[in-house]
Amino acid sequence: MPTYVMLASWTDQGLKAINEGPKRVDAAKKMLVEMGGHFRSMHMTMGQYDMIGIYDAPDDAVAARFSLMLGQMGYVRTTSLKAFPEEAYRQIVNSLR
């Protein structure tokens, strides 16, 4: 199952309702499970992004749908990255020869 890295920043609406943040994280995890995926980890960060989530999803379409659904809620803006495991990285690089 592909792995994705989600970089998230709180919107003004998200900051105003920050006390409900843990409940929203639980709801997002549940939503992803219902879509066939699961979270590997979630971290609050300091710097350009407020949170980083690493999760697995069945395919790119599910990952895109998940990001869009989070955005529709209005509490965070996300940037998503598809992550390739080391073995896939090695295969890709070795195929360049």
PDB file of N, CA and C in Angstrom:
ATOM      1  N   MET A   1       0.857  -1.167   0.000  1.00  0.00           N
ATOM      2  CA  MET A   1       0.000   0.000   0.000  1.00  0.00           C
ATOM      3  C   MET A   1       0.906   1.235   0.000  1.00  0.00           C
ATOM      4  N   PRO A   2       0.669   2.201  -0.874  1.00  0.00           N
ATOM      5  CA  PRO A   2       1.507   3.401  -0.929  1.00  0.00           C
ATOM      6  C   PRO A   2       1.459   4.210   0.372  1.00  0.00           C
ATOM      7  N   THR A   3       2.571   4.860   0.649  1.00  0.00           N
ATOM      8  CA  THR A   3       2.700   5.719   1.827  1.00  0.00           C
ATOM      9  C   THR A   3       2.715   7.169   1.379  1.00  0.00           C
ATOM     10  N   TYR A   4       2.104   8.027   2.194  1.00  0.00           N
ATOM     11  CA  TYR A   4       2.012   9.453   1.901  1.00  0.00           C
ATOM     12  C   TYR A   4       2.432  10.250   3.128  1.00  0.00           C
ATOM     13  N   VAL A   5       3.016  11.403   2.882  1.00  0.00           N
ATOM     14  CA  VAL A   5       3.360  12.346   3.944  1.00  0.00           C
ATOM     15  C   VAL A   5       2.452  13.553   3.765  1.00  0.00           C
ATOM     16  N   MET A   6       1.745  13.908   4.817  1.00  0.00           N
ATOM     17  CA  MET A   6       0.844  15.053   4.776  1.00  0.00           C
ATOM     18  C   MET A   6       1.429  16.156   5.658  1.00  0.00           C
ATOM     19  N   LEU A   7       1.666  17.299   5.060  1.00  0.00           N
ATOM     20  CA  LEU A   7       2.103  18.485   5.795  1.00  0.00           C
ATOM     21  C   LEU A   7       0.871  19.356   5.980  1.00  0.00           C
ATOM     22  N   ALA A   8       0.564  19.728   7.213  1.00  0.00           N
ATOM     23  CA  ALA A   8      -0.674  20.464   7.472  1.00  0.00           C
ATOM     24  C   ALA A   8      -0.398  21.749   8.238  1.00  0.00           C
ATOM     25  N   SER A   9      -1.155  22.768   7.892  1.00  0.00           N
ATOM     26  CA  SER A   9      -1.111  24.053   8.591  1.00  0.00           C
ATOM     27  C   SER A   9      -2.521  24.416   9.017  1.00  0.00           C
ATOM     28  N   TRP A  10      -2.655  24.871  10.246  1.00  0.00           N
ATOM     29  CA  TRP A  10      -3.972  25.278  10.733  1.00  0.00           C
ATOM     30  C   TRP A  10      -4.435  26.538  10.024  1.00  0.00           C
ATOM     31  N   THR A  11      -5.702  26.581   9.724  1.00  0.00           N
ATOM     32  CA  THR A  11      -6.322  27.794   9.209  1.00  0.00           C
ATOM     33  C   THR A  11      -6.727  28.647  10.412  1.00  0.00           C
ATOM     34  N   ASP A  12      -7.197  29.848  10.165  1.00  0.00           N
ATOM     35  CA  ASP A  12      -7.710  30.679  11.261  1.00  0.00           C
ATOM     36  C   ASP A  12      -8.838  29.957  11.986  1.00  0.00           C
ATOM     37  N   GLN A  13      -9.710  29.312  11.219  1.00  0.00           N
ATOM     38  CA  GLN A  13     -10.824  28.552  11.807  1.00  0.00           C
ATOM     39  C   GLN A  13     -10.288  27.418  12.686  1.00  0.00           C
ATOM     40  N   GLY A  14      -9.251  26.748  12.232  1.00  0.00           N
ATOM     41  CA  GLY A  14      -8.656  25.658  13.000  1.00  0.00           C
ATOM     42  C   GLY A  14      -8.040  26.135  14.294  1.00  0.00           C
ATOM     43  N   LEU A  15      -7.396  27.292  14.254  1.00  0.00           N
ATOM     44  CA  LEU A  15      -6.798  27.834  15.477  1.00  0.00           C
ATOM     45  C   LEU A  15      -7.858  28.290  16.471  1.00  0.00           C
ATOM     46  N   LYS A  16      -8.937  28.861  15.968  1.00  0.00           N
ATOM     47  CA  LYS A  16     -10.006  29.296  16.877  1.00  0.00           C
ATOM     48  C   LYS A  16     -10.633  28.120  17.616  1.00  0.00           C
ATOM     49  N   ALA A  17     -10.624  26.953  16.980  1.00  0.00           N
ATOM     50  CA  ALA A  17     -11.226  25.760  17.585  1.00  0.00           C
ATOM     51  C   ALA A  17     -10.149  24.733  17.937  1.00  0.00           C
ATOM     52  N   ILE A  18      -8.959  25.201  18.329  1.00  0.00           N
ATOM     53  CA  ILE A  18      -7.825  24.309  18.570  1.00  0.00           C
ATOM     54  C   ILE A  18      -8.108  23.308  19.685  1.00  0.00           C
ATOM     55  N   ASN A  19      -8.937  23.665  20.653  1.00  0.00           N
ATOM     56  CA  ASN A  19      -9.250  22.746  21.754  1.00  0.00           C
ATOM     57  C   ASN A  19      -9.945  21.483  21.254  1.00  0.00           C
ATOM     58  N   GLU A  20     -10.583  21.553  20.092  1.00  0.00           N
ATOM     59  CA  GLU A  20     -11.253  20.394  19.508  1.00  0.00           C
ATOM     60  C   GLU A  20     -10.322  19.621  18.572  1.00  0.00           C
ATOM     61  N   GLY A  21      -9.073  20.059  18.462  1.00  0.00           N
ATOM     62  CA  GLY A  21      -8.114  19.442  17.551  1.00  0.00           C
ATOM     63  C   GLY A  21      -7.949  17.937  17.731  1.00  0.00           C
ATOM     64  N   PRO A  22      -7.751  17.450  18.960  1.00  0.00           N
ATOM     65  CA  PRO A  22      -7.598  16.002  19.128  1.00  0.00           C
ATOM     66  C   PRO A  22      -8.812  15.206  18.621  1.00  0.00           C
ATOM     67  N   LYS A  23     -10.002  15.733  18.811  1.00  0.00           N
ATOM     68  CA  LYS A  23     -11.197  15.056  18.295  1.00  0.00           C
ATOM     69  C   LYS A  23     -11.195  15.045  16.771  1.00  0.00           C
ATOM     70  N   ARG A  24     -10.714  16.129  16.169  1.00  0.00           N
ATOM     71  CA  ARG A  24     -10.655  16.183  14.708  1.00  0.00           C
ATOM     72  C   ARG A  24      -9.615  15.199  14.160  1.00  0.00           C
ATOM     73  N   VAL A  25      -8.505  15.051  14.876  1.00  0.00           N
ATOM     74  CA  VAL A  25      -7.497  14.067  14.459  1.00  0.00           C
ATOM     75  C   VAL A  25      -8.099  12.667  14.518  1.00  0.00           C
ATOM     76  N   ASP A  26      -8.817  12.365  15.600  1.00  0.00           N
ATOM     77  CA  ASP A  26      -9.467  11.049  15.718  1.00  0.00           C
ATOM     78  C   ASP A  26     -10.467  10.833  14.585  1.00  0.00           C
ATOM     79  N   ALA A  27     -11.223  11.865  14.244  1.00  0.00           N
ATOM     80  CA  ALA A  27     -12.205  11.756  13.155  1.00  0.00           C
ATOM     81  C   ALA A  27     -11.501  11.547  11.818  1.00  0.00           C
ATOM     82  N   ALA A  28     -10.373  12.228  11.606  1.00  0.00           N
ATOM     83  CA  ALA A  28      -9.624  12.062  10.359  1.00  0.00           C
ATOM     84  C   ALA A  28      -9.065  10.646  10.255  1.00  0.00           C
ATOM     85  N   LYS A  29      -8.553  10.117  11.359  1.00  0.00           N
ATOM     86  CA  LYS A  29      -8.040   8.748  11.355  1.00  0.00           C
ATOM     87  C   LYS A  29      -9.152   7.755  11.025  1.00  0.00           C
ATOM     88  N   LYS A  30     -10.307   7.958  11.613  1.00  0.00           N
ATOM     89  CA  LYS A  30     -11.447   7.074  11.354  1.00  0.00           C
ATOM     90  C   LYS A  30     -11.867   7.161   9.890  1.00  0.00           C
ATOM     91  N   MET A  31     -11.904   8.371   9.364  1.00  0.00           N
ATOM     92  CA  MET A  31     -12.284   8.577   7.971  1.00  0.00           C
ATOM     93  C   MET A  31     -11.310   7.835   7.043  1.00  0.00           C
ATOM     94  N   LEU A  32     -10.024   7.921   7.339  1.00  0.00           N
ATOM     95  CA  LEU A  32      -9.028   7.248   6.503  1.00  0.00           C
ATOM     96  C   LEU A  32      -9.192   5.731   6.579  1.00  0.00           C
ATOM     97  N   VAL A  33      -9.443   5.207   7.756  1.00  0.00           N
ATOM     98  CA  VAL A  33      -9.668   3.763   7.900  1.00  0.00           C
ATOM     99  C   VAL A  33     -10.869   3.326   7.063  1.00  0.00           C
ATOM    100  N   GLU A  34     -11.929   4.124   7.094  1.00  0.00           N
ATOM    101  CA  GLU A  34     -13.126   3.802   6.306  1.00  0.00           C
ATOM    102  C   GLU A  34     -12.858   3.830   4.805  1.00  0.00           C
ATOM    103  N   MET A  35     -11.792   4.527   4.408  1.00  0.00           N
ATOM    104  CA  MET A  35     -11.407   4.595   2.999  1.00  0.00           C
ATOM    105  C   MET A  35     -10.391   3.513   2.648  1.00  0.00           C
ATOM    106  N   GLY A  36     -10.052   2.674   3.615  1.00  0.00           N
ATOM    107  CA  GLY A  36      -9.128   1.576   3.364  1.00  0.00           C
ATOM    108  C   GLY A  36      -7.683   1.853   3.724  1.00  0.00           C
ATOM    109  N   GLY A  37      -7.407   2.982   4.361  1.00  0.00           N
ATOM    110  CA  GLY A  37      -6.040   3.339   4.733  1.00  0.00           C
ATOM    111  C   GLY A  37      -5.836   3.325   6.228  1.00  0.00           C
ATOM    112  N   HIS A  38      -4.681   3.797   6.664  1.00  0.00           N
ATOM    113  CA  HIS A  38      -4.424   3.949   8.099  1.00  0.00           C
ATOM    114  C   HIS A  38      -3.236   4.884   8.322  1.00  0.00           C
ATOM    115  N   PHE A  39      -3.255   5.538   9.479  1.00  0.00           N
ATOM    116  CA  PHE A  39      -2.157   6.431   9.858  1.00  0.00           C
ATOM    117  C   PHE A  39      -1.025   5.621  10.449  1.00  0.00           C
ATOM    118  N   ARG A  40       0.169   5.930  10.035  1.00  0.00           N
ATOM    119  CA  ARG A  40       1.363   5.352  10.657  1.00  0.00           C
ATOM    120  C   ARG A  40       1.751   6.205  11.868  1.00  0.00           C
ATOM    121  N   SER A  41       1.710   7.534  11.675  1.00  0.00           N
ATOM    122  CA  SER A  41       2.054   8.432  12.786  1.00  0.00           C
ATOM    123  C   SER A  41       1.545   9.833  12.501  1.00  0.00           C
ATOM    124  N   MET A  42       1.394  10.594  13.570  1.00  0.00           N
ATOM    125  CA  MET A  42       0.966  11.994  13.492  1.00  0.00           C
ATOM    126  C   MET A  42       1.837  12.770  14.470  1.00  0.00           C
ATOM    127  N   HIS A  43       2.335  13.920  14.018  1.00  0.00           N
ATOM    128  CA  HIS A  43       3.222  14.728  14.861  1.00  0.00           C
ATOM    129  C   HIS A  43       2.825  16.191  14.773  1.00  0.00           C
ATOM    130  N   MET A  44       2.793  16.868  15.913  1.00  0.00           N
ATOM    131  CA  MET A  44       2.691  18.326  15.905  1.00  0.00           C
ATOM    132  C   MET A  44       4.115  18.834  15.723  1.00  0.00           C
ATOM    133  N   THR A  45       4.281  19.846  14.882  1.00  0.00           N
ATOM    134  CA  THR A  45       5.615  20.357  14.591  1.00  0.00           C
ATOM    135  C   THR A  45       5.674  21.862  14.811  1.00  0.00           C
ATOM    136  N   MET A  46       6.875  22.377  14.855  1.00  0.00           N
ATOM    137  CA  MET A  46       7.085  23.816  14.953  1.00  0.00           C
ATOM    138  C   MET A  46       7.810  24.239  13.683  1.00  0.00           C
ATOM    139  N   GLY A  47       7.409  25.342  13.121  1.00  0.00           N
ATOM    140  CA  GLY A  47       8.040  25.810  11.890  1.00  0.00           C
ATOM    141  C   GLY A  47       6.987  26.107  10.847  1.00  0.00           C
ATOM    142  N   GLN A  48       7.308  25.850   9.607  1.00  0.00           N
ATOM    143  CA  GLN A  48       6.418  26.184   8.494  1.00  0.00           C
ATOM    144  C   GLN A  48       5.107  25.418   8.561  1.00  0.00           C
ATOM    145  N   TYR A  49       5.134  24.182   9.062  1.00  0.00           N
ATOM    146  CA  TYR A  49       3.930  23.358   9.147  1.00  0.00           C
ATOM    147  C   TYR A  49       3.606  23.079  10.608  1.00  0.00           C
ATOM    148  N   ASP A  50       2.320  22.914  10.886  1.00  0.00           N
ATOM    149  CA  ASP A  50       1.873  22.682  12.256  1.00  0.00           C
ATOM    150  C   ASP A  50       1.778  21.202  12.609  1.00  0.00           C
ATOM    151  N   MET A  51       1.562  20.368  11.608  1.00  0.00           N
ATOM    152  CA  MET A  51       1.463  18.933  11.830  1.00  0.00           C
ATOM    153  C   MET A  51       2.014  18.184  10.628  1.00  0.00           C
ATOM    154  N   ILE A  52       2.519  16.989  10.901  1.00  0.00           N
ATOM    155  CA  ILE A  52       2.939  16.073   9.847  1.00  0.00           C
ATOM    156  C   ILE A  52       2.271  14.736  10.130  1.00  0.00           C
ATOM    157  N   GLY A  53       1.618  14.201   9.128  1.00  0.00           N
ATOM    158  CA  GLY A  53       1.028  12.878   9.250  1.00  0.00           C
ATOM    159  C   GLY A  53       1.632  11.964   8.206  1.00  0.00           C
ATOM    160  N   ILE A  54       1.929  10.746   8.605  1.00  0.00           N
ATOM    161  CA  ILE A  54       2.417   9.734   7.671  1.00  0.00           C
ATOM    162  C   ILE A  54       1.355   8.650   7.646  1.00  0.00           C
ATOM    163  N   TYR A  55       0.845   8.375   6.442  1.00  0.00           N
ATOM    164  CA  TYR A  55      -0.252   7.423   6.359  1.00  0.00           C
ATOM    165  C   TYR A  55      -0.157   6.588   5.090  1.00  0.00           C
ATOM    166  N   ASP A  56      -0.841   5.462   5.120  1.00  0.00           N
ATOM    167  CA  ASP A  56      -0.950   4.580   3.963  1.00  0.00           C
ATOM    168  C   ASP A  56      -2.360   4.681   3.417  1.00  0.00           C
ATOM    169  N   ALA A  57      -2.478   4.641   2.103  1.00  0.00           N
ATOM    170  CA  ALA A  57      -3.780   4.645   1.436  1.00  0.00           C
ATOM    171  C   ALA A  57      -3.712   3.648   0.281  1.00  0.00           C
ATOM    172  N   PRO A  58      -4.849   3.090  -0.103  1.00  0.00           N
ATOM    173  CA  PRO A  58      -4.843   2.091  -1.171  1.00  0.00           C
ATOM    174  C   PRO A  58      -4.258   2.588  -2.492  1.00  0.00           C
ATOM    175  N   ASP A  59      -4.457   3.873  -2.815  1.00  0.00           N
ATOM    176  CA  ASP A  59      -3.944   4.408  -4.078  1.00  0.00           C
ATOM    177  C   ASP A  59      -3.968   5.930  -4.030  1.00  0.00           C
ATOM    178  N   ASP A  60      -3.460   6.544  -5.101  1.00  0.00           N
ATOM    179  CA  ASP A  60      -3.379   8.005  -5.158  1.00  0.00           C
ATOM    180  C   ASP A  60      -4.751   8.666  -5.122  1.00  0.00           C
ATOM    181  N   ALA A  61      -5.747   8.028  -5.720  1.00  0.00           N
ATOM    182  CA  ALA A  61      -7.090   8.614  -5.733  1.00  0.00           C
ATOM    183  C   ALA A  61      -7.651   8.703  -4.322  1.00  0.00           C
ATOM    184  N   VAL A  62      -7.446   7.681  -3.514  1.00  0.00           N
ATOM    185  CA  VAL A  62      -7.919   7.715  -2.121  1.00  0.00           C
ATOM    186  C   VAL A  62      -7.160   8.782  -1.343  1.00  0.00           C
ATOM    187  N   ALA A  63      -5.851   8.874  -1.544  1.00  0.00           N
ATOM    188  CA  ALA A  63      -5.058   9.889  -0.856  1.00  0.00           C
ATOM    189  C   ALA A  63      -5.535  11.295  -1.230  1.00  0.00           C
ATOM    190  N   ALA A  64      -5.818  11.508  -2.504  1.00  0.00           N
ATOM    191  CA  ALA A  64      -6.302  12.819  -2.954  1.00  0.00           C
ATOM    192  C   ALA A  64      -7.674  13.119  -2.346  1.00  0.00           C
ATOM    193  N   ARG A  65      -8.556  12.123  -2.358  1.00  0.00           N
ATOM    194  CA  ARG A  65      -9.885  12.305  -1.780  1.00  0.00           C
ATOM    195  C   ARG A  65      -9.786  12.634  -0.290  1.00  0.00           C
ATOM    196  N   PHE A  66      -8.908  11.939   0.417  1.00  0.00           N
ATOM    197  CA  PHE A  66      -8.706  12.193   1.846  1.00  0.00           C
ATOM    198  C   PHE A  66      -8.244  13.630   2.076  1.00  0.00           C
ATOM    199  N   SER A  67      -7.267  14.089   1.312  1.00  0.00           N
ATOM    200  CA  SER A  67      -6.775  15.470   1.458  1.00  0.00           C
ATOM    201  C   SER A  67      -7.872  16.493   1.171  1.00  0.00           C
ATOM    202  N   LEU A  68      -8.640  16.233   0.128  1.00  0.00           N
ATOM    203  CA  LEU A  68      -9.726  17.158  -0.221  1.00  0.00           C
ATOM    204  C   LEU A  68     -10.799  17.195   0.868  1.00  0.00           C
ATOM    205  N   MET A  69     -11.103  16.032   1.430  1.00  0.00           N
ATOM    206  CA  MET A  69     -12.110  15.994   2.491  1.00  0.00           C
ATOM    207  C   MET A  69     -11.633  16.746   3.728  1.00  0.00           C
ATOM    208  N   LEU A  70     -10.345  16.626   4.054  1.00  0.00           N
ATOM    209  CA  LEU A  70      -9.805  17.399   5.176  1.00  0.00           C
ATOM    210  C   LEU A  70      -9.905  18.889   4.893  1.00  0.00           C
ATOM    211  N   GLY A  71      -9.560  19.285   3.669  1.00  0.00           N
ATOM    212  CA  GLY A  71      -9.635  20.691   3.294  1.00  0.00           C
ATOM    213  C   GLY A  71     -11.042  21.238   3.353  1.00  0.00           C
ATOM    214  N   GLN A  72     -12.029  20.425   2.973  1.00  0.00           N
ATOM    215  CA  GLN A  72     -13.429  20.868   3.013  1.00  0.00           C
ATOM    216  C   GLN A  72     -13.880  21.225   4.424  1.00  0.00           C
ATOM    217  N   MET A  73     -13.292  20.584   5.418  1.00  0.00           N
ATOM    218  CA  MET A  73     -13.683  20.855   6.809  1.00  0.00           C
ATOM    219  C   MET A  73     -13.272  22.253   7.252  1.00  0.00           C
ATOM    220  N   GLY A  74     -12.222  22.791   6.630  1.00  0.00           N
ATOM    221  CA  GLY A  74     -11.838  24.167   6.887  1.00  0.00           C
ATOM    222  C   GLY A  74     -10.868  24.400   8.025  1.00  0.00           C
ATOM    223  N   TYR A  75     -10.383  23.353   8.668  1.00  0.00           N
ATOM    224  CA  TYR A  75      -9.510  23.535   9.826  1.00  0.00           C
ATOM    225  C   TYR A  75      -8.027  23.494   9.492  1.00  0.00           C
ATOM    226  N   VAL A  76      -7.680  22.828   8.385  1.00  0.00           N
ATOM    227  CA  VAL A  76      -6.281  22.735   7.973  1.00  0.00           C
ATOM    228  C   VAL A  76      -6.167  22.869   6.462  1.00  0.00           C
ATOM    229  N   ARG A  77      -4.982  23.287   6.051  1.00  0.00           N
ATOM    230  CA  ARG A  77      -4.597  23.242   4.644  1.00  0.00           C
ATOM    231  C   ARG A  77      -3.478  22.213   4.572  1.00  0.00           C
ATOM    232  N   THR A  78      -3.521  21.381   3.557  1.00  0.00           N
ATOM    233  CA  THR A  78      -2.534  20.304   3.491  1.00  0.00           C
ATOM    234  C   THR A  78      -1.715  20.356   2.213  1.00  0.00           C
ATOM    235  N   THR A  79      -0.535  19.811   2.316  1.00  0.00           N
ATOM    236  CA  THR A  79       0.324  19.517   1.186  1.00  0.00           C
ATOM    237  C   THR A  79       0.648  18.042   1.304  1.00  0.00           C
ATOM    238  N   SER A  80       0.440  17.300   0.243  1.00  0.00           N
ATOM    239  CA  SER A  80       0.655  15.853   0.297  1.00  0.00           C
ATOM    240  C   SER A  80       1.829  15.443  -0.576  1.00  0.00           C
ATOM    241  N   LEU A  81       2.579  14.489  -0.083  1.00  0.00           N
ATOM    242  CA  LEU A  81       3.737  13.953  -0.789  1.00  0.00           C
ATOM    243  C   LEU A  81       3.621  12.438  -0.830  1.00  0.00           C
ATOM    244  N   LYS A  82       3.838  11.855  -1.989  1.00  0.00           N
ATOM    245  CA  LYS A  82       3.891  10.403  -2.075  1.00  0.00           C
ATOM    246  C   LYS A  82       5.296   9.982  -1.675  1.00  0.00           C
ATOM    247  N   ALA A  83       5.388   9.008  -0.779  1.00  0.00           N
ATOM    248  CA  ALA A  83       6.682   8.556  -0.277  1.00  0.00           C
ATOM    249  C   ALA A  83       7.014   7.188  -0.857  1.00  0.00           C
ATOM    250  N   PHE A  84       8.228   7.052  -1.350  1.00  0.00           N
ATOM    251  CA  PHE A  84       8.694   5.784  -1.892  1.00  0.00           C
ATOM    252  C   PHE A  84       9.626   5.131  -0.870  1.00  0.00           C
ATOM    253  N   PRO A  85       9.401   3.870  -0.532  1.00  0.00           N
ATOM    254  CA  PRO A  85      10.307   3.198   0.402  1.00  0.00           C
ATOM    255  C   PRO A  85      11.694   3.031  -0.215  1.00  0.00           C
ATOM    256  N   GLU A  86      12.660   2.742   0.618  1.00  0.00           N
ATOM    257  CA  GLU A  86      14.040   2.650   0.151  1.00  0.00           C
ATOM    258  C   GLU A  86      14.197   1.654  -0.998  1.00  0.00           C
ATOM    259  N   GLU A  87      13.559   0.509  -0.915  1.00  0.00           N
ATOM    260  CA  GLU A  87      13.697  -0.489  -1.972  1.00  0.00           C
ATOM    261  C   GLU A  87      13.193   0.051  -3.317  1.00  0.00           C
ATOM    262  N   ALA A  88      12.061   0.753  -3.293  1.00  0.00           N
ATOM    263  CA  ALA A  88      11.541   1.348  -4.533  1.00  0.00           C
ATOM    264  C   ALA A  88      12.497   2.422  -5.050  1.00  0.00           C
ATOM    265  N   TYR A  89      13.036   3.213  -4.149  1.00  0.00           N
ATOM    266  CA  TYR A  89      14.023   4.227  -4.521  1.00  0.00           C
ATOM    267  C   TYR A  89      15.201   3.571  -5.250  1.00  0.00           C
ATOM    268  N   ARG A  90      15.711   2.491  -4.671  1.00  0.00           N
ATOM    269  CA  ARG A  90      16.860   1.810  -5.265  1.00  0.00           C
ATOM    270  C   ARG A  90      16.516   1.254  -6.654  1.00  0.00           C
ATOM    271  N   GLN A  91      15.324   0.685  -6.797  1.00  0.00           N
ATOM    272  CA  GLN A  91      14.904   0.150  -8.091  1.00  0.00           C
ATOM    273  C   GLN A  91      14.784   1.260  -9.135  1.00  0.00           C
ATOM    274  N   ILE A  92      14.206   2.386  -8.723  1.00  0.00           N
ATOM    275  CA  ILE A  92      14.052   3.524  -9.650  1.00  0.00           C
ATOM    276  C   ILE A  92      15.414   4.040 -10.098  1.00  0.00           C
ATOM    277  N   VAL A  93      16.307   4.252  -9.146  1.00  0.00           N
ATOM    278  CA  VAL A  93      17.631   4.769  -9.482  1.00  0.00           C
ATOM    279  C   VAL A  93      18.411   3.765 -10.333  1.00  0.00           C
ATOM    280  N   ASN A  94      18.321   2.495  -9.967  1.00  0.00           N
ATOM    281  CA  ASN A  94      19.048   1.472 -10.734  1.00  0.00           C
ATOM    282  C   ASN A  94      18.502   1.317 -12.149  1.00  0.00           C
ATOM    283  N   SER A  95      17.254   1.671 -12.364  1.00  0.00           N
ATOM    284  CA  SER A  95      16.679   1.560 -13.713  1.00  0.00           C
ATOM    285  C   SER A  95      17.198   2.651 -14.653  1.00  0.00           C
ATOM    286  N   LEU A  96      17.890   3.618 -14.132  1.00  0.00           N
ATOM    287  CA  LEU A  96      18.442   4.703 -14.940  1.00  0.00           C
ATOM    288  C   LEU A  96      19.682   4.286 -15.712  1.00  0.00           C
ATOM    289  N   ARG A  97      20.243   3.171 -15.383  1.00  0.00           N
ATOM    290  CA  ARG A  97      21.493   2.726 -16.015  1.00  0.00           C
ATOM    291  C   ARG A  97      21.271   2.194 -17.395  1.00  0.00           C
TER     292      ARG A  97
END
